[in-house]
């Protein structure tokens, strides 16, 4: 099969990947955990630098690189969970994680 035929086949039958709502919720919680860890790193990085600790450079690297990664993941979550409605009166996984994500991304 040559490349032209393959491209045509993909155009006619696009490959779609889809997560279940439960899987998306798990990914939202993973984003939340990563964000909490990043804040913890940010809170101790300067202490490690002041103490000239051997891990200070590693923590500084995390503090500088991970916000971009988390922001990209948040944007993907926003796109893929646009159908999820925040229902704060319910005690479920969504109602506990969505408030931690920027509200303008989840309407």
PDB file of N, CA and C in Angstrom:
ATOM      1  N   UNK A   1       0.861  -1.181   0.000  1.00  0.00           N
ATOM      2  CA  UNK A   1       0.000   0.000   0.000  1.00  0.00           C
ATOM      3  C   UNK A   1       0.898   1.232   0.000  1.00  0.00           C
ATOM      4  N   UNK A   2       0.704   2.114  -0.966  1.00  0.00           N
ATOM      5  CA  UNK A   2       1.535   3.304  -1.006  1.00  0.00           C
ATOM      6  C   UNK A   2       0.971   4.383  -0.079  1.00  0.00           C
ATOM      7  N   UNK A   3       1.769   5.409   0.145  1.00  0.00           N
ATOM      8  CA  UNK A   3       1.403   6.455   1.100  1.00  0.00           C
ATOM      9  C   UNK A   3       0.132   7.191   0.694  1.00  0.00           C
ATOM     10  N   UNK A   4      -0.074   7.405  -0.601  1.00  0.00           N
ATOM     11  CA  UNK A   4      -1.269   8.110  -1.061  1.00  0.00           C
ATOM     12  C   UNK A   4      -2.544   7.371  -0.724  1.00  0.00           C
ATOM     13  N   UNK A   5      -2.517   6.057  -0.884  1.00  0.00           N
ATOM     14  CA  UNK A   5      -3.690   5.243  -0.558  1.00  0.00           C
ATOM     15  C   UNK A   5      -3.946   5.273   0.942  1.00  0.00           C
ATOM     16  N   UNK A   6      -2.871   5.221   1.722  1.00  0.00           N
ATOM     17  CA  UNK A   6      -3.010   5.258   3.177  1.00  0.00           C
ATOM     18  C   UNK A   6      -3.596   6.589   3.639  1.00  0.00           C
ATOM     19  N   UNK A   7      -3.117   7.688   3.089  1.00  0.00           N
ATOM     20  CA  UNK A   7      -3.647   9.005   3.441  1.00  0.00           C
ATOM     21  C   UNK A   7      -5.120   9.089   3.086  1.00  0.00           C
ATOM     22  N   UNK A   8      -5.490   8.600   1.921  1.00  0.00           N
ATOM     23  CA  UNK A   8      -6.886   8.614   1.493  1.00  0.00           C
ATOM     24  C   UNK A   8      -7.748   7.775   2.432  1.00  0.00           C
ATOM     25  N   UNK A   9      -7.245   6.625   2.835  1.00  0.00           N
ATOM     26  CA  UNK A   9      -7.993   5.757   3.750  1.00  0.00           C
ATOM     27  C   UNK A   9      -8.206   6.439   5.097  1.00  0.00           C
ATOM     28  N   UNK A  10      -7.186   7.108   5.602  1.00  0.00           N
ATOM     29  CA  UNK A  10      -7.304   7.806   6.885  1.00  0.00           C
ATOM     30  C   UNK A  10      -8.278   8.968   6.772  1.00  0.00           C
ATOM     31  N   UNK A  11      -8.276   9.668   5.643  1.00  0.00           N
ATOM     32  CA  UNK A  11      -9.208  10.778   5.452  1.00  0.00           C
ATOM     33  C   UNK A  11     -10.649  10.281   5.408  1.00  0.00           C
ATOM     34  N   UNK A  12     -10.863   9.146   4.793  1.00  0.00           N
ATOM     35  CA  UNK A  12     -12.219   8.606   4.686  1.00  0.00           C
ATOM     36  C   UNK A  12     -12.685   7.972   5.989  1.00  0.00           C
ATOM     37  N   UNK A  13     -11.774   7.383   6.717  1.00  0.00           N
ATOM     38  CA  UNK A  13     -12.102   6.697   7.963  1.00  0.00           C
ATOM     39  C   UNK A  13     -11.151   7.178   9.052  1.00  0.00           C
ATOM     40  N   UNK A  14     -11.389   8.372   9.572  1.00  0.00           N
ATOM     41  CA  UNK A  14     -10.455   8.920  10.555  1.00  0.00           C
ATOM     42  C   UNK A  14     -10.381   8.037  11.804  1.00  0.00           C
ATOM     43  N   UNK A  15      -9.190   7.979  12.328  1.00  0.00           N
ATOM     44  CA  UNK A  15      -8.962   7.212  13.544  1.00  0.00           C
ATOM     45  C   UNK A  15      -9.333   8.107  14.723  1.00  0.00           C
ATOM     46  N   UNK A  16     -10.264   7.647  15.517  1.00  0.00           N
ATOM     47  CA  UNK A  16     -10.656   8.424  16.685  1.00  0.00           C
ATOM     48  C   UNK A  16     -10.334   7.628  17.934  1.00  0.00           C
ATOM     49  N   UNK A  17      -9.910   8.335  18.931  1.00  0.00           N
ATOM     50  CA  UNK A  17      -9.662   7.733  20.232  1.00  0.00           C
ATOM     51  C   UNK A  17     -10.601   8.429  21.197  1.00  0.00           C
ATOM     52  N   UNK A  18     -11.185   7.664  22.055  1.00  0.00           N
ATOM     53  CA  UNK A  18     -12.134   8.264  22.970  1.00  0.00           C
ATOM     54  C   UNK A  18     -11.959   7.638  24.335  1.00  0.00           C
ATOM     55  N   UNK A  19     -11.996   8.478  25.345  1.00  0.00           N
ATOM     56  CA  UNK A  19     -11.948   8.023  26.722  1.00  0.00           C
ATOM     57  C   UNK A  19     -13.360   7.975  27.273  1.00  0.00           C
ATOM     58  N   UNK A  20     -13.586   7.074  28.194  1.00  0.00           N
ATOM     59  CA  UNK A  20     -14.865   7.072  28.894  1.00  0.00           C
ATOM     60  C   UNK A  20     -14.870   8.250  29.863  1.00  0.00           C
ATOM     61  N   UNK A  21     -16.049   8.621  30.344  1.00  0.00           N
ATOM     62  CA  UNK A  21     -16.124   9.699  31.331  1.00  0.00           C
ATOM     63  C   UNK A  21     -15.351   9.339  32.593  1.00  0.00           C
ATOM     64  N   UNK A  22     -15.381   8.073  32.966  1.00  0.00           N
ATOM     65  CA  UNK A  22     -14.643   7.643  34.149  1.00  0.00           C
ATOM     66  C   UNK A  22     -13.136   7.805  33.934  1.00  0.00           C
ATOM     67  N   UNK A  23     -12.659   7.468  32.742  1.00  0.00           N
ATOM     68  CA  UNK A  23     -11.241   7.643  32.430  1.00  0.00           C
ATOM     69  C   UNK A  23     -10.867   9.125  32.398  1.00  0.00           C
ATOM     70  N   UNK A  24     -11.734   9.956  31.851  1.00  0.00           N
ATOM     71  CA  UNK A  24     -11.476  11.402  31.840  1.00  0.00           C
ATOM     72  C   UNK A  24     -11.423  11.953  33.253  1.00  0.00           C
ATOM     73  N   UNK A  25     -12.290  11.460  34.106  1.00  0.00           N
ATOM     74  CA  UNK A  25     -12.286  11.898  35.499  1.00  0.00           C
ATOM     75  C   UNK A  25     -10.969  11.502  36.168  1.00  0.00           C
ATOM     76  N   UNK A  26     -10.506  10.298  35.891  1.00  0.00           N
ATOM     77  CA  UNK A  26      -9.219   9.853  36.428  1.00  0.00           C
ATOM     78  C   UNK A  26      -8.091  10.755  35.938  1.00  0.00           C
ATOM     79  N   UNK A  27      -8.121  11.127  34.667  1.00  0.00           N
ATOM     80  CA  UNK A  27      -7.102  12.029  34.128  1.00  0.00           C
ATOM     81  C   UNK A  27      -7.197  13.418  34.754  1.00  0.00           C
ATOM     82  N   UNK A  28      -8.410  13.874  35.035  1.00  0.00           N
ATOM     83  CA  UNK A  28      -8.576  15.165  35.712  1.00  0.00           C
ATOM     84  C   UNK A  28      -7.964  15.109  37.109  1.00  0.00           C
ATOM     85  N   UNK A  29      -8.169  13.993  37.801  1.00  0.00           N
ATOM     86  CA  UNK A  29      -7.559  13.827  39.129  1.00  0.00           C
ATOM     87  C   UNK A  29      -6.041  13.737  39.024  1.00  0.00           C
ATOM     88  N   UNK A  30      -5.534  13.124  37.965  1.00  0.00           N
ATOM     89  CA  UNK A  30      -4.089  13.072  37.758  1.00  0.00           C
ATOM     90  C   UNK A  30      -3.546  14.480  37.549  1.00  0.00           C
ATOM     91  N   UNK A  31      -4.258  15.294  36.764  1.00  0.00           N
ATOM     92  CA  UNK A  31      -3.853  16.689  36.580  1.00  0.00           C
ATOM     93  C   UNK A  31      -3.842  17.404  37.930  1.00  0.00           C
ATOM     94  N   UNK A  32      -4.878  17.179  38.719  1.00  0.00           N
ATOM     95  CA  UNK A  32      -4.976  17.814  40.042  1.00  0.00           C
ATOM     96  C   UNK A  32      -3.795  17.406  40.916  1.00  0.00           C
ATOM     97  N   UNK A  33      -3.464  16.124  40.937  1.00  0.00           N
ATOM     98  CA  UNK A  33      -2.333  15.646  41.737  1.00  0.00           C
ATOM     99  C   UNK A  33      -1.033  16.293  41.266  1.00  0.00           C
ATOM    100  N   UNK A  34      -0.849  16.381  39.954  1.00  0.00           N
ATOM    101  CA  UNK A  34       0.347  17.021  39.420  1.00  0.00           C
ATOM    102  C   UNK A  34       0.425  18.486  39.795  1.00  0.00           C
ATOM    103  N   UNK A  35      -0.698  19.166  39.782  1.00  0.00           N
ATOM    104  CA  UNK A  35      -0.731  20.579  40.139  1.00  0.00           C
ATOM    105  C   UNK A  35      -0.400  20.776  41.617  1.00  0.00           C
ATOM    106  N   UNK A  36      -0.941  19.922  42.478  1.00  0.00           N
ATOM    107  CA  UNK A  36      -0.646  19.999  43.914  1.00  0.00           C
ATOM    108  C   UNK A  36       0.846  19.757  44.153  1.00  0.00           C
ATOM    109  N   UNK A  37       1.408  18.769  43.456  1.00  0.00           N
ATOM    110  CA  UNK A  37       2.840  18.487  43.607  1.00  0.00           C
ATOM    111  C   UNK A  37       3.689  19.652  43.114  1.00  0.00           C
ATOM    112  N   UNK A  38       3.273  20.283  42.018  1.00  0.00           N
ATOM    113  CA  UNK A  38       4.020  21.426  41.504  1.00  0.00           C
ATOM    114  C   UNK A  38       4.033  22.560  42.525  1.00  0.00           C
ATOM    115  N   UNK A  39       2.906  22.817  43.143  1.00  0.00           N
ATOM    116  CA  UNK A  39       2.842  23.864  44.171  1.00  0.00           C
ATOM    117  C   UNK A  39       3.776  23.527  45.326  1.00  0.00           C
ATOM    118  N   UNK A  40       3.818  22.253  45.724  1.00  0.00           N
ATOM    119  CA  UNK A  40       4.728  21.832  46.794  1.00  0.00           C
ATOM    120  C   UNK A  40       6.182  22.066  46.380  1.00  0.00           C
ATOM    121  N   UNK A  41       6.519  21.718  45.141  1.00  0.00           N
ATOM    122  CA  UNK A  41       7.871  21.970  44.637  1.00  0.00           C
ATOM    123  C   UNK A  41       8.186  23.462  44.686  1.00  0.00           C
ATOM    124  N   UNK A  42       7.242  24.282  44.243  1.00  0.00           N
ATOM    125  CA  UNK A  42       7.462  25.725  44.230  1.00  0.00           C
ATOM    126  C   UNK A  42       7.669  26.269  45.639  1.00  0.00           C
ATOM    127  N   UNK A  43       7.010  25.667  46.614  1.00  0.00           N
ATOM    128  CA  UNK A  43       7.127  26.138  47.991  1.00  0.00           C
ATOM    129  C   UNK A  43       8.459  25.780  48.640  1.00  0.00           C
ATOM    130  N   UNK A  44       9.130  24.741  48.163  1.00  0.00           N
ATOM    131  CA  UNK A  44      10.381  24.333  48.806  1.00  0.00           C
ATOM    132  C   UNK A  44      11.623  24.591  47.957  1.00  0.00           C
ATOM    133  N   UNK A  45      11.444  24.913  46.689  1.00  0.00           N
ATOM    134  CA  UNK A  45      12.609  25.098  45.816  1.00  0.00           C
ATOM    135  C   UNK A  45      13.548  26.164  46.354  1.00  0.00           C
ATOM    136  N   UNK A  46      13.018  27.303  46.757  1.00  0.00           N
ATOM    137  CA  UNK A  46      13.899  28.377  47.238  1.00  0.00           C
ATOM    138  C   UNK A  46      14.607  27.970  48.524  1.00  0.00           C
ATOM    139  N   UNK A  47      13.963  27.150  49.354  1.00  0.00           N
ATOM    140  CA  UNK A  47      14.615  26.676  50.579  1.00  0.00           C
ATOM    141  C   UNK A  47      15.802  25.775  50.242  1.00  0.00           C
ATOM    142  N   UNK A  48      15.619  24.915  49.256  1.00  0.00           N
ATOM    143  CA  UNK A  48      16.714  24.040  48.833  1.00  0.00           C
ATOM    144  C   UNK A  48      17.855  24.843  48.218  1.00  0.00           C
ATOM    145  N   UNK A  49      17.501  25.885  47.454  1.00  0.00           N
ATOM    146  CA  UNK A  49      18.534  26.738  46.861  1.00  0.00           C
ATOM    147  C   UNK A  49      19.312  27.466  47.952  1.00  0.00           C
ATOM    148  N   UNK A  50      18.590  28.028  48.924  1.00  0.00           N
ATOM    149  CA  UNK A  50      19.251  28.741  50.020  1.00  0.00           C
ATOM    150  C   UNK A  50      20.167  27.822  50.817  1.00  0.00           C
ATOM    151  N   UNK A  51      19.751  26.571  50.979  1.00  0.00           N
ATOM    152  CA  UNK A  51      20.546  25.603  51.737  1.00  0.00           C
ATOM    153  C   UNK A  51      21.628  24.953  50.874  1.00  0.00           C
ATOM    154  N   UNK A  52      21.682  25.331  49.594  1.00  0.00           N
ATOM    155  CA  UNK A  52      22.630  24.755  48.643  1.00  0.00           C
ATOM    156  C   UNK A  52      22.548  23.228  48.635  1.00  0.00           C
ATOM    157  N   UNK A  53      21.329  22.742  48.676  1.00  0.00           N
ATOM    158  CA  UNK A  53      21.070  21.299  48.672  1.00  0.00           C
ATOM    159  C   UNK A  53      21.358  20.721  47.292  1.00  0.00           C
ATOM    160  N   UNK A  54      21.793  19.502  47.244  1.00  0.00           N
ATOM    161  CA  UNK A  54      22.136  18.852  45.984  1.00  0.00           C
ATOM    162  C   UNK A  54      20.966  18.693  45.028  1.00  0.00           C
ATOM    163  N   UNK A  55      19.748  18.660  45.542  1.00  0.00           N
ATOM    164  CA  UNK A  55      18.558  18.496  44.699  1.00  0.00           C
ATOM    165  C   UNK A  55      17.958  19.827  44.245  1.00  0.00           C
ATOM    166  N   UNK A  56      18.558  20.940  44.631  1.00  0.00           N
ATOM    167  CA  UNK A  56      18.000  22.257  44.297  1.00  0.00           C
ATOM    168  C   UNK A  56      17.851  22.435  42.788  1.00  0.00           C
ATOM    169  N   UNK A  57      18.833  22.016  42.031  1.00  0.00           N
ATOM    170  CA  UNK A  57      18.759  22.158  40.576  1.00  0.00           C
ATOM    171  C   UNK A  57      17.638  21.335  39.978  1.00  0.00           C
ATOM    172  N   UNK A  58      17.447  20.136  40.503  1.00  0.00           N
ATOM    173  CA  UNK A  58      16.368  19.268  40.028  1.00  0.00           C
ATOM    174  C   UNK A  58      15.013  19.910  40.309  1.00  0.00           C
ATOM    175  N   UNK A  59      14.841  20.447  41.505  1.00  0.00           N
ATOM    176  CA  UNK A  59      13.577  21.086  41.864  1.00  0.00           C
ATOM    177  C   UNK A  59      13.348  22.338  41.028  1.00  0.00           C
ATOM    178  N   UNK A  60      14.406  23.094  40.765  1.00  0.00           N
ATOM    179  CA  UNK A  60      14.282  24.288  39.933  1.00  0.00           C
ATOM    180  C   UNK A  60      13.840  23.907  38.526  1.00  0.00           C
ATOM    181  N   UNK A  61      14.397  22.840  38.001  1.00  0.00           N
ATOM    182  CA  UNK A  61      14.020  22.361  36.671  1.00  0.00           C
ATOM    183  C   UNK A  61      12.545  21.978  36.629  1.00  0.00           C
ATOM    184  N   UNK A  62      12.095  21.269  37.633  1.00  0.00           N
ATOM    185  CA  UNK A  62      10.680  20.874  37.709  1.00  0.00           C
ATOM    186  C   UNK A  62       9.793  22.110  37.774  1.00  0.00           C
ATOM    187  N   UNK A  63      10.179  23.065  38.599  1.00  0.00           N
ATOM    188  CA  UNK A  63       9.389  24.283  38.774  1.00  0.00           C
ATOM    189  C   UNK A  63       9.274  25.071  37.471  1.00  0.00           C
ATOM    190  N   UNK A  64      10.282  25.006  36.625  1.00  0.00           N
ATOM    191  CA  UNK A  64      10.274  25.763  35.377  1.00  0.00           C
ATOM    192  C   UNK A  64       9.594  25.024  34.232  1.00  0.00           C
ATOM    193  N   UNK A  65       9.729  23.700  34.172  1.00  0.00           N
ATOM    194  CA  UNK A  65       9.238  22.937  33.028  1.00  0.00           C
ATOM    195  C   UNK A  65       7.808  22.427  33.188  1.00  0.00           C
ATOM    196  N   UNK A  66       7.444  22.018  34.369  1.00  0.00           N
ATOM    197  CA  UNK A  66       6.162  21.341  34.549  1.00  0.00           C
ATOM    198  C   UNK A  66       4.933  22.225  34.373  1.00  0.00           C
ATOM    199  N   UNK A  67       4.983  23.523  34.678  1.00  0.00           N
ATOM    200  CA  UNK A  67       3.776  24.332  34.444  1.00  0.00           C
ATOM    201  C   UNK A  67       3.297  24.272  32.995  1.00  0.00           C
ATOM    202  N   UNK A  68       4.215  24.278  32.038  1.00  0.00           N
ATOM    203  CA  UNK A  68       3.821  24.202  30.626  1.00  0.00           C
ATOM    204  C   UNK A  68       3.151  22.869  30.321  1.00  0.00           C
ATOM    205  N   UNK A  69       3.700  21.805  30.868  1.00  0.00           N
ATOM    206  CA  UNK A  69       3.130  20.474  30.640  1.00  0.00           C
ATOM    207  C   UNK A  69       1.737  20.392  31.249  1.00  0.00           C
ATOM    208  N   UNK A  70       1.601  20.880  32.477  1.00  0.00           N
ATOM    209  CA  UNK A  70       0.293  20.854  33.136  1.00  0.00           C
ATOM    210  C   UNK A  70      -0.716  21.723  32.398  1.00  0.00           C
ATOM    211  N   UNK A  71      -0.279  22.851  31.870  1.00  0.00           N
ATOM    212  CA  UNK A  71      -1.196  23.711  31.117  1.00  0.00           C
ATOM    213  C   UNK A  71      -1.669  23.040  29.832  1.00  0.00           C
ATOM    214  N   UNK A  72      -0.775  22.316  29.164  1.00  0.00           N
ATOM    215  CA  UNK A  72      -1.190  21.589  27.956  1.00  0.00           C
ATOM    216  C   UNK A  72      -2.174  20.478  28.306  1.00  0.00           C
ATOM    217  N   UNK A  73      -1.898  19.775  29.391  1.00  0.00           N
ATOM    218  CA  UNK A  73      -2.812  18.709  29.826  1.00  0.00           C
ATOM    219  C   UNK A  73      -4.165  19.292  30.210  1.00  0.00           C
ATOM    220  N   UNK A  74      -4.153  20.440  30.873  1.00  0.00           N
ATOM    221  CA  UNK A  74      -5.403  21.096  31.264  1.00  0.00           C
ATOM    222  C   UNK A  74      -6.212  21.482  30.028  1.00  0.00           C
ATOM    223  N   UNK A  75      -5.544  21.971  28.998  1.00  0.00           N
ATOM    224  CA  UNK A  75      -6.247  22.346  27.766  1.00  0.00           C
ATOM    225  C   UNK A  75      -6.887  21.128  27.104  1.00  0.00           C
ATOM    226  N   UNK A  76      -6.177  20.013  27.102  1.00  0.00           N
ATOM    227  CA  UNK A  76      -6.745  18.780  26.544  1.00  0.00           C
ATOM    228  C   UNK A  76      -7.949  18.345  27.361  1.00  0.00           C
ATOM    229  N   UNK A  77      -7.826  18.392  28.674  1.00  0.00           N
ATOM    230  CA  UNK A  77      -8.959  18.030  29.535  1.00  0.00           C
ATOM    231  C   UNK A  77     -10.145  18.951  29.291  1.00  0.00           C
ATOM    232  N   UNK A  78      -9.880  20.225  29.098  1.00  0.00           N
ATOM    233  CA  UNK A  78     -10.969  21.172  28.832  1.00  0.00           C
ATOM    234  C   UNK A  78     -11.717  20.790  27.567  1.00  0.00           C
ATOM    235  N   UNK A  79     -10.970  20.449  26.544  1.00  0.00           N
ATOM    236  CA  UNK A  79     -11.591  20.070  25.275  1.00  0.00           C
ATOM    237  C   UNK A  79     -12.389  18.780  25.413  1.00  0.00           C
ATOM    238  N   UNK A  80     -11.822  17.803  26.061  1.00  0.00           N
ATOM    239  CA  UNK A  80     -12.436  16.480  26.123  1.00  0.00           C
ATOM    240  C   UNK A  80     -13.548  16.367  27.163  1.00  0.00           C
ATOM    241  N   UNK A  81     -13.623  17.329  28.074  1.00  0.00           N
ATOM    242  CA  UNK A  81     -14.662  17.268  29.112  1.00  0.00           C
ATOM    243  C   UNK A  81     -15.661  18.409  28.989  1.00  0.00           C
ATOM    244  N   UNK A  82     -15.710  19.033  27.832  1.00  0.00           N
ATOM    245  CA  UNK A  82     -16.631  20.159  27.642  1.00  0.00           C
ATOM    246  C   UNK A  82     -18.077  19.756  27.895  1.00  0.00           C
ATOM    247  N   UNK A  83     -18.386  18.485  27.739  1.00  0.00           N
ATOM    248  CA  UNK A  83     -19.759  18.000  27.931  1.00  0.00           C
ATOM    249  C   UNK A  83     -20.110  17.768  29.404  1.00  0.00           C
ATOM    250  N   UNK A  84     -19.118  17.789  30.288  1.00  0.00           N
ATOM    251  CA  UNK A  84     -19.360  17.508  31.710  1.00  0.00           C
ATOM    252  C   UNK A  84     -19.870  18.774  32.386  1.00  0.00           C
ATOM    253  N   UNK A  85     -20.990  18.662  33.043  1.00  0.00           N
ATOM    254  CA  UNK A  85     -21.574  19.799  33.755  1.00  0.00           C
ATOM    255  C   UNK A  85     -21.225  19.700  35.233  1.00  0.00           C
ATOM    256  N   UNK A  86     -20.718  20.781  35.783  1.00  0.00           N
ATOM    257  CA  UNK A  86     -20.407  20.827  37.205  1.00  0.00           C
ATOM    258  C   UNK A  86     -21.702  20.824  37.994  1.00  0.00           C
ATOM    259  N   UNK A  87     -21.826  19.878  38.892  1.00  0.00           N
ATOM    260  CA  UNK A  87     -22.994  19.760  39.763  1.00  0.00           C
ATOM    261  C   UNK A  87     -22.489  19.707  41.202  1.00  0.00           C
ATOM    262  N   UNK A  88     -22.227  20.871  41.796  1.00  0.00           N
ATOM    263  CA  UNK A  88     -21.561  20.912  43.099  1.00  0.00           C
ATOM    264  C   UNK A  88     -22.348  20.263  44.231  1.00  0.00           C
ATOM    265  N   UNK A  89     -23.649  20.092  44.065  1.00  0.00           N
ATOM    266  CA  UNK A  89     -24.456  19.481  45.120  1.00  0.00           C
ATOM    267  C   UNK A  89     -24.299  17.966  45.154  1.00  0.00           C
ATOM    268  N   UNK A  90     -23.726  17.396  44.106  1.00  0.00           N
ATOM    269  CA  UNK A  90     -23.508  15.954  44.095  1.00  0.00           C
ATOM    270  C   UNK A  90     -22.166  15.636  44.740  1.00  0.00           C
ATOM    271  N   UNK A  91     -22.123  14.527  45.443  1.00  0.00           N
ATOM    272  CA  UNK A  91     -20.873  14.091  46.049  1.00  0.00           C
ATOM    273  C   UNK A  91     -20.285  12.992  45.174  1.00  0.00           C
ATOM    274  N   UNK A  92     -19.679  13.413  44.080  1.00  0.00           N
ATOM    275  CA  UNK A  92     -19.058  12.447  43.184  1.00  0.00           C
ATOM    276  C   UNK A  92     -17.661  12.936  42.822  1.00  0.00           C
ATOM    277  N   UNK A  93     -16.940  12.126  42.076  1.00  0.00           N
ATOM    278  CA  UNK A  93     -15.558  12.465  41.727  1.00  0.00           C
ATOM    279  C   UNK A  93     -15.465  13.749  40.914  1.00  0.00           C
ATOM    280  N   UNK A  94     -16.400  13.943  39.967  1.00  0.00           N
ATOM    281  CA  UNK A  94     -16.385  15.150  39.145  1.00  0.00           C
ATOM    282  C   UNK A  94     -16.584  16.399  39.986  1.00  0.00           C
ATOM    283  N   UNK A  95     -17.542  16.369  40.898  1.00  0.00           N
ATOM    284  CA  UNK A  95     -17.842  17.575  41.677  1.00  0.00           C
ATOM    285  C   UNK A  95     -16.687  17.951  42.598  1.00  0.00           C
ATOM    286  N   UNK A  96     -15.819  16.987  42.898  1.00  0.00           N
ATOM    287  CA  UNK A  96     -14.671  17.285  43.758  1.00  0.00           C
ATOM    288  C   UNK A  96     -13.436  17.722  42.970  1.00  0.00           C
ATOM    289  N   UNK A  97     -13.346  17.368  41.693  1.00  0.00           N
ATOM    290  CA  UNK A  97     -12.150  17.734  40.930  1.00  0.00           C
ATOM    291  C   UNK A  97     -12.361  18.966  40.051  1.00  0.00           C
ATOM    292  N   UNK A  98     -13.542  19.134  39.477  1.00  0.00           N
ATOM    293  CA  UNK A  98     -13.758  20.255  38.554  1.00  0.00           C
ATOM    294  C   UNK A  98     -13.536  21.623  39.185  1.00  0.00           C
ATOM    295  N   UNK A  99     -13.907  21.839  40.453  1.00  0.00           N
ATOM    296  CA  UNK A  99     -13.659  23.168  41.024  1.00  0.00           C
ATOM    297  C   UNK A  99     -12.177  23.553  41.088  1.00  0.00           C
ATOM    298  N   UNK A 100     -11.286  22.585  41.033  1.00  0.00           N
ATOM    299  CA  UNK A 100      -9.853  22.879  41.086  1.00  0.00           C
ATOM    300  C   UNK A 100      -9.284  23.247  39.727  1.00  0.00           C
ATOM    301  N   UNK A 101     -10.040  22.986  38.685  1.00  0.00           N
ATOM    302  CA  UNK A 101      -9.617  23.364  37.343  1.00  0.00           C
ATOM    303  C   UNK A 101     -10.171  24.748  37.044  1.00  0.00           C
ATOM    304  N   UNK A 102      -9.488  25.529  36.236  1.00  0.00           N
ATOM    305  CA  UNK A 102      -9.983  26.877  35.924  1.00  0.00           C
ATOM    306  C   UNK A 102     -11.417  26.844  35.409  1.00  0.00           C
ATOM    307  N   UNK A 103     -12.259  27.639  36.023  1.00  0.00           N
ATOM    308  CA  UNK A 103     -13.687  27.615  35.723  1.00  0.00           C
ATOM    309  C   UNK A 103     -14.008  28.002  34.291  1.00  0.00           C
ATOM    310  N   UNK A 104     -13.217  28.889  33.705  1.00  0.00           N
ATOM    311  CA  UNK A 104     -13.540  29.312  32.343  1.00  0.00           C
ATOM    312  C   UNK A 104     -13.328  28.194  31.328  1.00  0.00           C
ATOM    313  N   UNK A 105     -12.651  27.130  31.713  1.00  0.00           N
ATOM    314  CA  UNK A 105     -12.450  26.017  30.795  1.00  0.00           C
ATOM    315  C   UNK A 105     -13.580  25.009  30.863  1.00  0.00           C
ATOM    316  N   UNK A 106     -14.341  25.026  31.938  1.00  0.00           N
ATOM    317  CA  UNK A 106     -15.394  24.032  32.121  1.00  0.00           C
ATOM    318  C   UNK A 106     -16.715  24.753  32.302  1.00  0.00           C
ATOM    319  N   UNK A 107     -17.508  24.797  31.270  1.00  0.00           N
ATOM    320  CA  UNK A 107     -18.809  25.479  31.328  1.00  0.00           C
ATOM    321  C   UNK A 107     -19.913  24.461  31.306  1.00  0.00           C
TER     322      UNK A 107
END
